[in-house]
């Protein structure tokens, strides 16, 4: 039996909700400054960024780490 993830700030959060929260806080330029990923600099959109983040583990990890650091 696994323990509940009460202290995990990512528990129950979708990648889309994390991205939207960080966009609200930093905007595309702020995300691009914090995470060096082309999806945040070249014609950024939610859908293209999500597609990239789902395929690219290092970028998803950086986004999740940034989210945890802001909470």
C-alpha atoms as a PDB file:
ATOM      1  CA  UNK A   1       0.000   0.000   0.000  1.00  0.00           C
ATOM      2  CA  UNK A   2       1.416   3.391  -0.957  1.00  0.00           C
ATOM      3  CA  UNK A   3       1.269   6.449   1.237  1.00  0.00           C
ATOM      4  CA  UNK A   4      -0.897   9.398   0.198  1.00  0.00           C
ATOM      5  CA  UNK A   5       1.020  12.140  -1.547  1.00  0.00           C
ATOM      6  CA  UNK A   6      -0.067  14.902   0.800  1.00  0.00           C
ATOM      7  CA  UNK A   7       3.255  16.732   0.633  1.00  0.00           C
ATOM      8  CA  UNK A   8       3.690  16.407  -3.132  1.00  0.00           C
ATOM      9  CA  UNK A   9       2.724  19.764  -4.718  1.00  0.00           C
ATOM     10  CA  UNK A  10       2.422  18.067  -8.131  1.00  0.00           C
ATOM     11  CA  UNK A  11      -0.127  15.507  -6.945  1.00  0.00           C
ATOM     12  CA  UNK A  12      -3.385  15.938  -8.829  1.00  0.00           C
ATOM     13  CA  UNK A  13      -1.963  18.617 -11.134  1.00  0.00           C
ATOM     14  CA  UNK A  14      -1.990  18.199 -14.878  1.00  0.00           C
ATOM     15  CA  UNK A  15       0.861  19.418 -17.019  1.00  0.00           C
ATOM     16  CA  UNK A  16      -1.552  21.871 -18.637  1.00  0.00           C
ATOM     17  CA  UNK A  17      -2.616  23.363 -15.299  1.00  0.00           C
ATOM     18  CA  UNK A  18       1.020  23.727 -14.220  1.00  0.00           C
ATOM     19  CA  UNK A  19       1.885  25.450 -17.491  1.00  0.00           C
ATOM     20  CA  UNK A  20      -1.115  27.778 -17.231  1.00  0.00           C
ATOM     21  CA  UNK A  21      -0.287  28.752 -13.643  1.00  0.00           C
ATOM     22  CA  UNK A  22       3.330  29.505 -14.530  1.00  0.00           C
ATOM     23  CA  UNK A  23       2.246  31.437 -17.622  1.00  0.00           C
ATOM     24  CA  UNK A  24      -0.005  33.556 -15.454  1.00  0.00           C
ATOM     25  CA  UNK A  25       2.885  34.256 -13.127  1.00  0.00           C
ATOM     26  CA  UNK A  26       5.779  34.702 -15.581  1.00  0.00           C
ATOM     27  CA  UNK A  27       4.364  34.970 -19.103  1.00  0.00           C
ATOM     28  CA  UNK A  28       6.080  33.458 -22.140  1.00  0.00           C
ATOM     29  CA  UNK A  29       9.139  35.719 -21.817  1.00  0.00           C
ATOM     30  CA  UNK A  30       9.588  34.819 -18.161  1.00  0.00           C
ATOM     31  CA  UNK A  31       9.320  31.105 -18.860  1.00  0.00           C
ATOM     32  CA  UNK A  32      11.802  31.432 -21.717  1.00  0.00           C
ATOM     33  CA  UNK A  33      14.238  33.212 -19.391  1.00  0.00           C
ATOM     34  CA  UNK A  34      13.955  30.453 -16.781  1.00  0.00           C
ATOM     35  CA  UNK A  35      13.769  27.410 -19.090  1.00  0.00           C
ATOM     36  CA  UNK A  36      15.838  27.385 -22.263  1.00  0.00           C
ATOM     37  CA  UNK A  37      13.312  25.714 -24.559  1.00  0.00           C
ATOM     38  CA  UNK A  38      12.352  26.821 -28.041  1.00  0.00           C
ATOM     39  CA  UNK A  39       8.660  26.132 -27.328  1.00  0.00           C
ATOM     40  CA  UNK A  40       8.641  29.214 -25.060  1.00  0.00           C
ATOM     41  CA  UNK A  41      10.445  31.559 -27.477  1.00  0.00           C
ATOM     42  CA  UNK A  42       9.452  30.779 -31.073  1.00  0.00           C
ATOM     43  CA  UNK A  43       5.746  31.472 -31.630  1.00  0.00           C
ATOM     44  CA  UNK A  44       4.718  29.935 -28.279  1.00  0.00           C
ATOM     45  CA  UNK A  45       1.304  28.425 -27.690  1.00  0.00           C
ATOM     46  CA  UNK A  46      -0.205  26.217 -25.020  1.00  0.00           C
ATOM     47  CA  UNK A  47      -0.766  23.289 -27.386  1.00  0.00           C
ATOM     48  CA  UNK A  48       2.710  23.305 -28.961  1.00  0.00           C
ATOM     49  CA  UNK A  49       4.369  23.717 -25.568  1.00  0.00           C
ATOM     50  CA  UNK A  50       2.373  20.835 -24.090  1.00  0.00           C
ATOM     51  CA  UNK A  51       3.270  18.614 -27.041  1.00  0.00           C
ATOM     52  CA  UNK A  52       6.974  19.417 -26.558  1.00  0.00           C
ATOM     53  CA  UNK A  53       6.865  19.032 -22.772  1.00  0.00           C
ATOM     54  CA  UNK A  54       5.140  15.654 -22.991  1.00  0.00           C
ATOM     55  CA  UNK A  55       7.838  14.330 -25.325  1.00  0.00           C
ATOM     56  CA  UNK A  56      10.865  15.948 -23.653  1.00  0.00           C
ATOM     57  CA  UNK A  57      11.564  14.738 -20.139  1.00  0.00           C
ATOM     58  CA  UNK A  58      14.277  17.292 -19.245  1.00  0.00           C
ATOM     59  CA  UNK A  59      12.019  20.220 -20.159  1.00  0.00           C
ATOM     60  CA  UNK A  60       9.030  18.788 -18.276  1.00  0.00           C
ATOM     61  CA  UNK A  61      11.257  18.259 -15.220  1.00  0.00           C
ATOM     62  CA  UNK A  62      12.459  21.878 -15.361  1.00  0.00           C
ATOM     63  CA  UNK A  63       8.871  23.118 -15.613  1.00  0.00           C
ATOM     64  CA  UNK A  64       7.792  20.956 -12.670  1.00  0.00           C
ATOM     65  CA  UNK A  65      10.809  22.069 -10.618  1.00  0.00           C
ATOM     66  CA  UNK A  66       9.974  25.710 -11.334  1.00  0.00           C
ATOM     67  CA  UNK A  67       6.385  25.098 -10.265  1.00  0.00           C
ATOM     68  CA  UNK A  68       7.480  23.458  -7.002  1.00  0.00           C
ATOM     69  CA  UNK A  69       9.912  26.313  -6.308  1.00  0.00           C
ATOM     70  CA  UNK A  70       7.112  28.873  -6.660  1.00  0.00           C
ATOM     71  CA  UNK A  71       4.801  27.089  -4.205  1.00  0.00           C
END
